[in-house]
Each structure stands twice: as structure tokens, then as C-alpha cells.
Protein backbone atom coordinates (compact mmCIF):
# COMPACT_ATOMS: atom_id res chain seq x y z
CA UNK A 1 59.35 -14.69 57.83
CA UNK A 2 59.43 -18.22 57.64
CA UNK A 3 57.37 -20.64 59.88
CA UNK A 4 60.33 -22.38 61.03
CA UNK A 5 61.96 -18.67 62.07
CA UNK A 6 58.52 -17.56 63.69
CA UNK A 7 58.21 -20.47 66.32
CA UNK A 8 62.02 -20.49 67.24
CA UNK A 9 61.73 -16.55 67.64
CA UNK A 10 58.16 -16.96 69.30
CA UNK A 11 58.89 -19.46 72.16
CA UNK A 12 62.52 -17.87 72.59
CA UNK A 13 65.06 -20.84 71.63
CA UNK A 14 68.37 -20.26 72.15
CA UNK A 15 70.12 -23.25 71.37
CA UNK A 16 67.24 -25.46 69.66
CA UNK A 17 66.00 -24.37 66.23
CA UNK A 18 62.96 -25.96 63.79
CA UNK A 19 63.99 -28.05 61.50
CA UNK A 20 60.91 -28.63 59.48
CA UNK A 21 56.70 -27.55 60.11
CA UNK A 22 54.94 -30.57 58.69
CA UNK A 23 50.64 -30.86 58.40
CA UNK A 24 49.29 -33.75 59.51
CA UNK A 25 46.01 -35.28 58.03
CA UNK A 26 44.14 -34.06 60.94
CA UNK A 27 44.81 -30.58 59.91
CA UNK A 28 47.20 -30.12 62.89
CA UNK A 29 50.91 -28.66 62.60
CA UNK A 30 53.78 -30.91 63.44
CA UNK A 31 57.13 -28.85 64.54
CA UNK A 32 60.57 -31.23 64.63
CA UNK A 33 62.74 -29.50 66.90
CA UNK A 34 66.32 -30.14 67.16
CA UNK A 35 69.49 -28.82 69.05
CA UNK A 36 72.21 -26.26 67.44
CA UNK A 37 75.44 -27.92 67.15
CA UNK A 38 77.76 -26.16 69.42
CA UNK A 39 75.16 -24.62 71.66
CA UNK A 40 75.53 -25.31 75.72
CA UNK A 41 72.49 -27.09 77.15
CA UNK A 42 70.97 -26.30 80.90
CA UNK A 43 70.41 -28.91 83.66
CA UNK A 44 66.94 -29.68 84.12
CA UNK A 45 67.07 -29.83 87.78
CA UNK A 46 69.33 -26.70 88.86
CA UNK A 47 69.13 -24.60 85.52
CA UNK A 48 72.68 -24.27 85.33
CA UNK A 49 74.81 -24.80 82.24
CA UNK A 50 75.86 -27.93 81.47
CA UNK A 51 79.46 -29.20 81.35
CA UNK A 52 78.72 -31.90 78.79
CA UNK A 53 76.42 -33.42 76.46
CA UNK A 54 75.79 -37.40 76.88
CA UNK A 55 75.19 -39.08 73.81
CA UNK A 56 72.36 -40.68 74.46
CA UNK A 57 68.62 -38.85 74.15
CA UNK A 58 65.51 -39.55 75.90
CA UNK A 59 62.34 -40.95 73.33
CA UNK A 60 60.61 -37.83 71.51
CA UNK A 61 57.95 -35.76 73.64
CA UNK A 62 55.48 -33.27 72.56
CA UNK A 63 54.25 -30.17 73.50
CA UNK A 64 51.08 -28.27 72.69
CA UNK A 65 51.45 -24.27 71.83
CA UNK A 66 49.09 -21.96 71.39
CA UNK A 67 47.17 -22.27 67.76
CA UNK A 68 48.23 -21.00 64.52
CA UNK A 69 44.79 -19.41 62.79
CA UNK A 70 43.08 -22.55 63.40
CA UNK A 71 45.55 -25.24 63.53
CA UNK A 72 46.68 -26.89 66.35
CA UNK A 73 50.46 -26.48 66.58
CA UNK A 74 52.42 -29.45 68.23
CA UNK A 75 56.91 -28.89 69.32
CA UNK A 76 58.30 -32.53 68.85
CA UNK A 77 61.59 -32.87 70.42
CA UNK A 78 63.90 -35.64 71.82
CA UNK A 79 65.22 -34.39 74.90
CA UNK A 80 69.52 -35.01 75.84
CA UNK A 81 70.87 -36.34 78.94
CA UNK A 82 73.82 -34.00 80.47
CA UNK A 83 76.25 -34.07 82.29
CA UNK A 84 76.04 -31.50 85.52
CA UNK A 85 78.77 -30.22 88.11
CA UNK A 86 76.21 -30.16 90.52
CA UNK A 87 73.60 -32.63 90.03
CA UNK A 88 74.96 -34.89 88.02
CA UNK A 89 73.31 -36.93 84.85
CA UNK A 90 70.34 -35.19 84.34
CA UNK A 91 67.50 -34.27 81.56
CA UNK A 92 68.53 -31.14 79.70
CA UNK A 93 66.24 -28.29 80.66
CA UNK A 94 63.28 -27.70 77.88
CA UNK A 95 63.25 -23.66 77.76
CA UNK A 96 60.03 -23.48 76.18
CA UNK A 97 57.67 -25.81 78.94
CA UNK A 98 58.38 -26.51 82.39
CA UNK A 99 59.23 -29.75 83.98
CA UNK A 100 56.60 -32.16 83.62
CA UNK A 101 54.38 -29.57 81.82
CA UNK A 102 53.38 -31.10 78.14
CA UNK A 103 52.05 -27.51 77.21
CA UNK A 104 54.51 -24.78 76.48
CA UNK A 105 54.82 -21.43 78.69
CA UNK A 106 52.06 -19.47 75.83
CA UNK A 107 49.54 -21.56 75.81
CA UNK A 108 50.13 -22.07 79.76
CA UNK A 109 49.76 -18.89 80.27
CA UNK A 110 46.81 -18.42 78.23
CA UNK A 111 44.66 -21.50 80.16
CA UNK A 112 45.67 -20.33 83.33
CA UNK A 113 43.95 -16.37 82.69
CA UNK A 114 40.94 -17.93 81.06
CA UNK A 115 40.88 -20.16 83.82
CA UNK A 116 40.07 -17.63 86.21
CA UNK A 117 36.61 -16.60 83.92
CA UNK A 118 35.09 -20.02 83.21
CA UNK A 119 34.91 -23.34 84.48
CA UNK A 120 37.62 -25.62 83.64
CA UNK A 121 35.41 -27.92 80.86
CA UNK A 122 34.51 -24.65 78.62
CA UNK A 123 38.18 -23.85 79.25
CA UNK A 124 39.67 -27.64 77.65
CA UNK A 125 37.15 -26.87 74.99
CA UNK A 126 38.11 -23.13 73.88
CA UNK A 127 41.75 -24.81 73.27
CA UNK A 128 40.68 -28.33 72.43
CA UNK A 129 42.67 -30.02 75.57
CA UNK A 130 41.51 -32.55 78.04
CA UNK A 131 39.95 -30.71 81.23
CA UNK A 132 42.69 -33.12 83.41
CA UNK A 133 45.12 -30.93 81.56
CA UNK A 134 44.00 -27.74 82.26
CA UNK A 135 43.53 -29.02 85.96
CA UNK A 136 47.37 -29.67 85.92
CA UNK A 137 47.85 -25.92 84.65
CA UNK A 138 45.47 -24.33 87.10
CA UNK A 139 47.77 -26.40 89.77
CA UNK A 140 51.13 -25.29 88.36
CA UNK A 141 50.10 -22.06 88.34
CA UNK A 142 48.58 -21.96 92.18
CA UNK A 143 51.80 -23.71 93.25
CA UNK A 144 54.27 -20.96 91.13
CA UNK A 145 51.95 -18.25 92.52
CA UNK A 146 52.19 -19.00 95.87
CA UNK A 147 55.66 -19.47 95.76
CA UNK A 148 56.52 -16.13 93.95
CA UNK A 149 53.76 -13.85 95.46
CA UNK A 150 55.11 -10.73 97.23
CA UNK A 151 53.96 -10.58 100.87
CA UNK A 152 52.70 -7.45 102.27
CA UNK A 153 52.05 -7.51 106.00
CA UNK A 154 48.31 -8.11 107.42
CA UNK A 155 47.08 -6.02 109.42
CA UNK A 156 43.10 -6.31 108.95
CA UNK A 157 42.06 -9.93 108.97
CA UNK A 158 39.28 -11.08 107.64
CA UNK A 159 37.64 -14.68 109.13
CA UNK A 160 34.99 -16.60 107.40
CA UNK A 161 33.46 -19.87 106.37
CA UNK A 162 32.23 -21.13 103.53
CA UNK A 163 30.25 -24.66 102.73
CA UNK A 164 32.43 -26.96 100.10
CA UNK A 165 29.42 -29.35 99.99
CA UNK A 166 26.45 -31.36 101.49
CA UNK A 167 27.21 -32.92 104.93
CA UNK A 168 28.29 -29.73 107.53
CA UNK A 169 32.02 -29.74 105.09
CA UNK A 170 33.37 -26.19 105.01
CA UNK A 171 36.16 -24.50 103.97
CA UNK A 172 37.96 -21.59 106.24
CA UNK A 173 38.75 -18.65 104.20
CA UNK A 174 41.13 -15.98 105.65
CA UNK A 175 41.17 -12.47 103.71
CA UNK A 176 43.34 -9.31 103.98
CA UNK A 177 40.71 -6.83 103.96
CA UNK A 178 42.89 -4.16 103.39
CA UNK A 179 44.20 -5.31 99.64
CA UNK A 180 40.76 -7.52 98.97
CA UNK A 181 42.09 -10.75 98.42
CA UNK A 182 42.17 -14.27 99.98
CA UNK A 183 45.63 -15.62 101.96
CA UNK A 184 45.01 -18.90 103.17
CA UNK A 185 42.16 -21.37 102.34
CA UNK A 186 41.79 -24.14 105.14
CA UNK A 187 39.75 -27.44 105.32
CA UNK A 188 37.06 -27.93 108.27
CA UNK A 189 35.70 -24.19 110.16
CA UNK A 190 37.43 -25.89 113.73
CA UNK A 191 40.17 -24.13 116.49
CA UNK A 192 42.79 -26.79 114.88
CA UNK A 193 42.43 -25.47 111.14
CA UNK A 194 42.84 -21.40 112.35
CA UNK A 195 45.88 -22.84 114.22
CA UNK A 196 47.32 -24.42 111.02
CA UNK A 197 46.86 -20.74 109.61
CA UNK A 198 49.52 -18.84 112.51
CA UNK A 199 51.31 -21.94 112.03
CA UNK A 200 51.80 -21.35 108.26
CA UNK A 201 51.88 -17.49 109.08
CA UNK A 202 54.71 -17.82 111.76
CA UNK A 203 54.94 -15.89 115.02
CA UNK A 204 56.49 -13.06 113.26
CA UNK A 205 54.27 -12.05 110.76
CA UNK A 206 51.56 -12.99 113.46
CA UNK A 207 52.39 -9.97 115.41
CA UNK A 208 51.19 -7.72 112.65
CA UNK A 209 47.90 -8.53 112.59
CA UNK A 210 45.88 -5.19 114.30
CA UNK A 211 42.31 -5.94 113.69
CA UNK A 212 40.52 -9.48 113.24
CA UNK A 213 37.13 -9.12 111.93
CA UNK A 214 35.15 -12.22 111.96
CA UNK A 215 31.71 -13.71 113.31
CA UNK A 216 30.93 -15.05 116.96
CA UNK A 217 31.81 -18.91 116.42
CA UNK A 218 33.97 -20.18 119.28
CA UNK A 219 36.40 -22.29 117.84
CA UNK A 220 37.93 -19.34 116.22
CA UNK A 221 37.83 -16.81 118.93
CA UNK A 222 39.74 -19.49 120.43
CA UNK A 223 42.20 -19.45 118.26
CA UNK A 224 42.49 -16.00 117.24
CA UNK A 225 42.95 -15.26 121.26
CA UNK A 226 45.94 -17.57 121.35
CA UNK A 227 47.56 -17.06 118.65
CA UNK A 228 47.43 -12.92 118.30
CA UNK A 229 46.30 -11.68 121.79
CA UNK A 230 47.47 -8.45 120.76
CA UNK A 231 45.05 -8.25 118.18
CA UNK A 232 41.50 -6.40 118.39
CA UNK A 233 38.76 -8.82 117.78
CA UNK A 234 35.94 -6.91 115.74
CA UNK A 235 32.13 -8.64 115.15
CA UNK A 236 31.53 -8.17 112.13
CA UNK A 237 28.15 -5.90 111.74
CA UNK A 238 26.73 -8.11 108.86
CA UNK A 239 26.70 -11.02 111.19
CA UNK A 240 24.80 -9.23 113.69
CA UNK A 241 22.24 -7.59 111.85
CA UNK A 242 21.80 -11.26 110.42
CA UNK A 243 21.04 -12.59 113.66
CA UNK A 244 18.68 -9.86 114.54
CA UNK A 245 16.88 -10.49 111.61
CA UNK A 246 16.44 -14.34 112.16
CA UNK A 247 15.06 -13.01 115.42
CA UNK A 248 12.39 -10.73 113.77
CA UNK A 249 11.37 -13.42 111.45
CA UNK A 250 10.87 -15.96 114.08
CA UNK A 251 8.56 -13.56 116.07
CA UNK A 252 6.68 -13.31 112.51
CA UNK A 253 6.27 -16.76 112.06
CA UNK A 254 4.77 -17.45 115.53
CA UNK A 255 2.47 -14.39 115.18
CA UNK A 256 1.35 -15.81 112.29
CA UNK A 257 0.77 -19.19 113.76
CA UNK A 258 -1.84 -17.31 116.24
CA UNK A 259 -3.75 -15.23 113.53
CA UNK A 260 -6.94 -16.48 112.16
CA UNK A 261 -9.21 -15.34 110.02
CA UNK A 262 -9.15 -11.96 108.22
CA UNK A 263 -6.17 -10.89 110.11
CA UNK A 264 -3.70 -13.71 108.64
CA UNK A 265 -5.12 -12.61 105.60
CA UNK A 266 -4.01 -9.13 105.91
CA UNK A 267 -0.64 -10.47 107.79
CA UNK A 268 0.28 -12.56 104.51
CA UNK A 269 3.32 -11.41 102.43
CA UNK A 270 4.95 -9.69 104.76
CA UNK A 271 8.08 -11.20 105.60
CA UNK A 272 10.60 -8.70 103.80
CA UNK A 273 8.17 -5.60 105.14
CA UNK A 274 9.28 -6.34 108.55
CA UNK A 275 13.10 -7.23 107.71
CA UNK A 276 13.57 -4.18 104.88
CA UNK A 277 15.09 -1.20 106.21
CA UNK A 278 12.11 1.16 105.69
CA UNK A 279 14.42 4.00 103.71
CA UNK A 280 14.31 1.26 100.51
CA UNK A 281 10.87 0.38 100.62
CA UNK A 282 8.67 2.11 98.03
CA UNK A 283 5.64 4.56 99.04
CA UNK A 284 2.72 1.54 98.44
CA UNK A 285 5.07 -0.88 101.06
CA UNK A 286 5.86 1.71 103.87
CA UNK A 287 1.97 2.34 103.64
CA UNK A 288 1.06 -1.02 104.44
CA UNK A 289 3.90 -1.14 107.02
CA UNK A 290 2.50 1.68 108.78
CA UNK A 291 -1.01 0.34 108.34
CA UNK A 292 0.68 -3.47 110.06
CA UNK A 293 2.78 -1.46 113.00
CA UNK A 294 -0.63 -0.35 114.45
CA UNK A 295 -1.93 -3.74 114.83
CA UNK A 296 -0.97 -4.83 118.90
CA UNK A 297 1.15 -8.00 117.90
CA UNK A 298 4.70 -9.17 119.19
CA UNK A 299 6.34 -8.79 115.63
CA UNK A 300 5.46 -4.90 116.02
CA UNK A 301 7.73 -5.34 119.39
CA UNK A 302 10.37 -6.93 117.38
CA UNK A 303 10.44 -5.04 114.85
CA UNK A 304 11.04 -1.83 116.65
CA UNK A 305 13.59 -3.57 118.68
CA UNK A 306 15.29 -4.14 115.35
CA UNK A 307 15.17 -0.31 114.30
CA UNK A 308 16.77 0.50 117.87
CA UNK A 309 19.51 -1.53 117.58
CA UNK A 310 20.10 -0.37 113.88
CA UNK A 311 20.72 3.25 115.48
CA UNK A 312 23.82 1.87 117.28
CA UNK A 313 25.92 1.73 113.85
CA UNK A 314 25.41 5.14 114.05
CA UNK A 315 27.21 6.14 117.12
CA UNK A 316 30.85 7.22 117.04
CA UNK A 317 31.64 7.25 120.25
CA UNK A 318 32.10 4.17 122.49
CA UNK A 319 30.84 5.68 125.59
CA UNK A 320 27.38 7.13 123.54
CA UNK A 321 27.23 3.49 121.84
CA UNK A 322 27.62 1.75 125.09
CA UNK A 323 24.61 3.68 127.06
CA UNK A 324 22.30 3.13 124.46
CA UNK A 325 23.32 -0.71 123.69
CA UNK A 326 22.62 -1.61 127.94
CA UNK A 327 19.32 0.28 127.20
CA UNK A 328 18.26 -1.94 124.15
CA UNK A 329 19.90 -5.09 125.91
CA UNK A 330 17.74 -4.51 128.90
CA UNK A 331 14.29 -3.76 126.80
CA UNK A 332 14.97 -6.77 124.42
CA UNK A 333 15.64 -9.38 127.69
CA UNK A 334 12.35 -8.11 129.26
CA UNK A 335 10.28 -7.99 125.91
CA UNK A 336 8.93 -11.57 126.44
CA UNK A 337 10.25 -12.46 123.13
CA UNK A 338 12.72 -15.15 123.15
CA UNK A 339 14.27 -14.96 120.32
CA UNK A 340 15.40 -11.40 120.95
CA UNK A 341 16.23 -12.82 124.75
CA UNK A 342 18.61 -15.39 123.37
CA UNK A 343 20.33 -12.50 120.78
CA UNK A 344 20.23 -9.93 123.98
CA UNK A 345 22.25 -13.16 126.37
CA UNK A 346 24.82 -13.60 122.61
CA UNK A 347 25.62 -10.13 122.83
CA UNK A 348 26.56 -9.66 126.36
CA UNK A 349 29.03 -12.60 125.87
CA UNK A 350 30.54 -10.66 123.39
CA UNK A 351 30.07 -7.63 124.34
CA UNK A 352 33.74 -6.05 124.05
CA UNK A 353 34.07 -6.88 120.11
CA UNK A 354 30.53 -5.42 119.45
CA UNK A 355 31.64 -2.50 120.84
CA UNK A 356 34.90 -2.30 119.24
CA UNK A 357 33.39 -1.51 115.90
CA UNK A 358 32.81 2.21 117.33
CA UNK A 359 36.75 2.78 117.34
CA UNK A 360 37.34 0.43 114.18
CA UNK A 361 34.86 0.33 111.72
CA UNK A 362 35.83 -2.78 109.93
CA UNK A 363 33.07 -5.06 108.27
CA UNK A 364 33.19 -8.59 106.68
CA UNK A 365 31.24 -6.90 103.84
CA UNK A 366 33.81 -7.18 100.92
CA UNK A 367 34.40 -10.92 102.56
CA UNK A 368 31.22 -11.69 101.77
CA UNK A 369 31.25 -10.84 98.06
CA UNK A 370 34.27 -12.48 97.92
CA UNK A 371 32.49 -15.16 99.25
CA UNK A 372 29.80 -15.05 96.60
CA UNK A 373 32.52 -15.13 94.27
CA UNK A 374 33.72 -18.40 95.53
CA UNK A 375 30.54 -20.19 95.46
CA UNK A 376 30.28 -18.69 91.90
CA UNK A 377 33.42 -20.83 91.35
CA UNK A 378 31.88 -24.07 92.59
CA UNK A 379 28.21 -23.12 90.70
CA UNK A 380 29.85 -22.64 87.52
CA UNK A 381 32.00 -26.60 87.62
CA UNK A 382 28.90 -28.30 89.22
CA UNK A 383 31.41 -29.13 92.40
CA UNK A 384 34.40 -30.76 92.87
CA UNK A 385 35.20 -33.94 93.96
CA UNK A 386 37.81 -32.79 95.57
CA UNK A 387 38.92 -30.49 98.82
CA UNK A 388 42.30 -29.33 97.03
CA UNK A 389 40.85 -28.96 93.47
CA UNK A 390 38.48 -26.51 94.95
CA UNK A 391 40.72 -25.17 97.23
CA UNK A 392 43.18 -24.73 94.04
CA UNK A 393 40.63 -22.89 91.95
CA UNK A 394 39.97 -20.50 95.26
CA UNK A 395 43.62 -19.20 95.19
CA UNK A 396 43.97 -19.23 91.23
CA UNK A 397 40.75 -16.65 90.99
CA UNK A 398 40.28 -15.25 94.95
CA UNK A 399 44.34 -14.81 95.63
CA UNK A 400 45.44 -12.42 93.00
CA UNK A 401 48.53 -14.50 92.18
CA UNK A 402 51.31 -13.83 89.85
CA UNK A 403 51.20 -15.92 87.00
CA UNK A 404 54.46 -17.69 85.47
């Protein structure tokens, strides 16, 4: 098969053909493309067959294609002006590339697939492109994917935020917990941000939401209860456990500041002994923890409160779980430990969402794992200059969008 025929067949040309292929001094290949006489061209605006082809043409343009062996392949073609019965005078539709793109469909798809795994600079180096071309490809793939992704009803929704850069700049992420994908990304983490999501979602689609899993951030709760009052709010188990561990750690630090001499030496490097689950400790660490528990220290009381709260997550009946939680709240409130008294007050304020765990065992565990992936996207690129660029890459890597 001749090179010209191979290029025409692989690019799906029907109304065009490859005149010749030239090798440039730089080792690149240049394929000259022209129109086949008598073949109808398509309108570049609506895609319908054009009624007439004008005599004038646009200046010649170049498109990058996939490499042939180790040679860069360029396509050169001067598009025709065509008369469309609907749109009027327009430039013809280029069958091997999208509008405004300077890469072919094959290279576009290859770049988009690799950009989900690597940073844009590495992708650009692999394909010998400018990183701005890679950015344009990713942006085009995201916009096309958002417009053509198949929509399925949202039943279980997870809400969380991720830091974009220093200075309290955050992005709000909305996840479909049933399918493990990002649904929507918005700038900031206030009530207005989530209101934009529900406005984008629409009232009809919002009625399908049954469960919303989130932390105790008040702006999120206000927006959720206003937009989807039928949904059950479940507070995330991992966030509540994180608050409890922070209370234990604050008590440990206060205890450390009060110790002196030999007691302080024995207490050194015990932070993770107090925070870890006992079943995850090695034998040596369990022995050391057993010795520390014999001390008459406030951190021992905090550790026992933490372990007692862990039992709450094992209950399957709401009444038993509520009785256990009420007892725990009384003990935490009367423990004379300020961090646990604050934690008990916070749980009392959001008691319904905490008890909903016994009926709806939904957590943001998958969401936290996705957050790590979102952070890795930023780390491997050493950050992004603009918010939209970061959001586009999050959609591209985490939303499972279809590719053109």
C-alpha cells in the first residue's frame, strides 16, 4: 500500500485525497491534501452537504497527526469556501480534525488518553507538542465529554472540598457515590457555590437525590436543606472520627506540657499509639500502650472516650445506637476535657445526621480516596495558574467523561 493511500484510508477521507508525501530536511513528513473533483463538501457550521463550492479558498493550514515510525507527520490543505442553504457562505468541514483544532482526531484522542495519566509537560514531550496544545486538547475533550456524557439519576451524593492553593482557596467537589465519579466542580466552598450546583442540576433531577453525605460545614448544610429537603443528610464517619482523634491529640499535647522528668521520657513518641486502633498495633506497641493506660492521666480518659465512640459505628438499630450515643455524650460533657466537651456539643447540634448512619451506611471513604487523586493531579503538575485549568483536569481524570 502506498503511503498516500494509507494516510487517506486511516484518516477516513471521502472527498479528499493525498497528492504526495514529502520528507522535510528536519526528518518530518509533509502530506499535501486536495479535494477530489466532483465530491460534495460539508458545511463547517451545521455539517450538512453544501449546495455549491466557491471558487476561492482559504490559505493553506497545517494539522499534526500521529507519528509514522519516528517521523512527525503534517497534513497541509487549503480549505474551500462553500455555500450552505442554511448557514450561507462558510468554510468547509474538515473531516480529519475538529473546528479550530490543529491536530487530527487520532492525535487528539491519543493526547487526551495519555493526559489522564501524566502531567501535560510530559505528554507534550512525548508527542513533541507545545504544552498549550495539550491544554487545548484536554479542554476540548472535557467540553465535548460534558455535553455528551450519558446522564444517570443521582441517588447518593457526596460533598467535599479540596484546597486549590494557599490562602484559603478551595474547590467544591460533588461526587456520585454510587458510581464513584465526579459530577460537578465549583470554585469556593460557600453556600452560593452549592446553590450554583443545584441550579445547574435543575429541580427535576434534584428530586431524585435521596442521600447527601458530607461533613458538618454549615454553608453546605444550609444549601442542601434548602434545595433538596427530601434528602437524608448523613454525616461522614471519617470526618467525625477525625474530630475525635483531634480531641485526643489536643489532650495528649496538654498532658505532655504538664509532665516532667522521667514521665516525660516515657510519654515521648506516643502520639500514634493513642490515635491508632488497638487491633492494628504490633505486640510491642500494644505492650507499651498497656503500660501507658495504667497512668492516671487525662489522655487515658480521652483515649477511653475515643474507643467507646468507635462502638457506635457497629450498631445496626437506631434505638440502641441512640442510647449508646446519649451515654457517651454525657460522659464526654462531664469529662472535664475541653476538646471532648466541644466535640460533644458539636455532635448534639447534628445528632440526626450522625444517627442516620445506622439506617444508611454511606460514607465518604471513596470520596476521600478520590480527593487524594485530585491532589495528585495538582502535585504532578506543580500546581495550575488558573482555576478553570485545574477544574478541567479534574473533570478529565475523575469524571469518566467519554472521549470524542
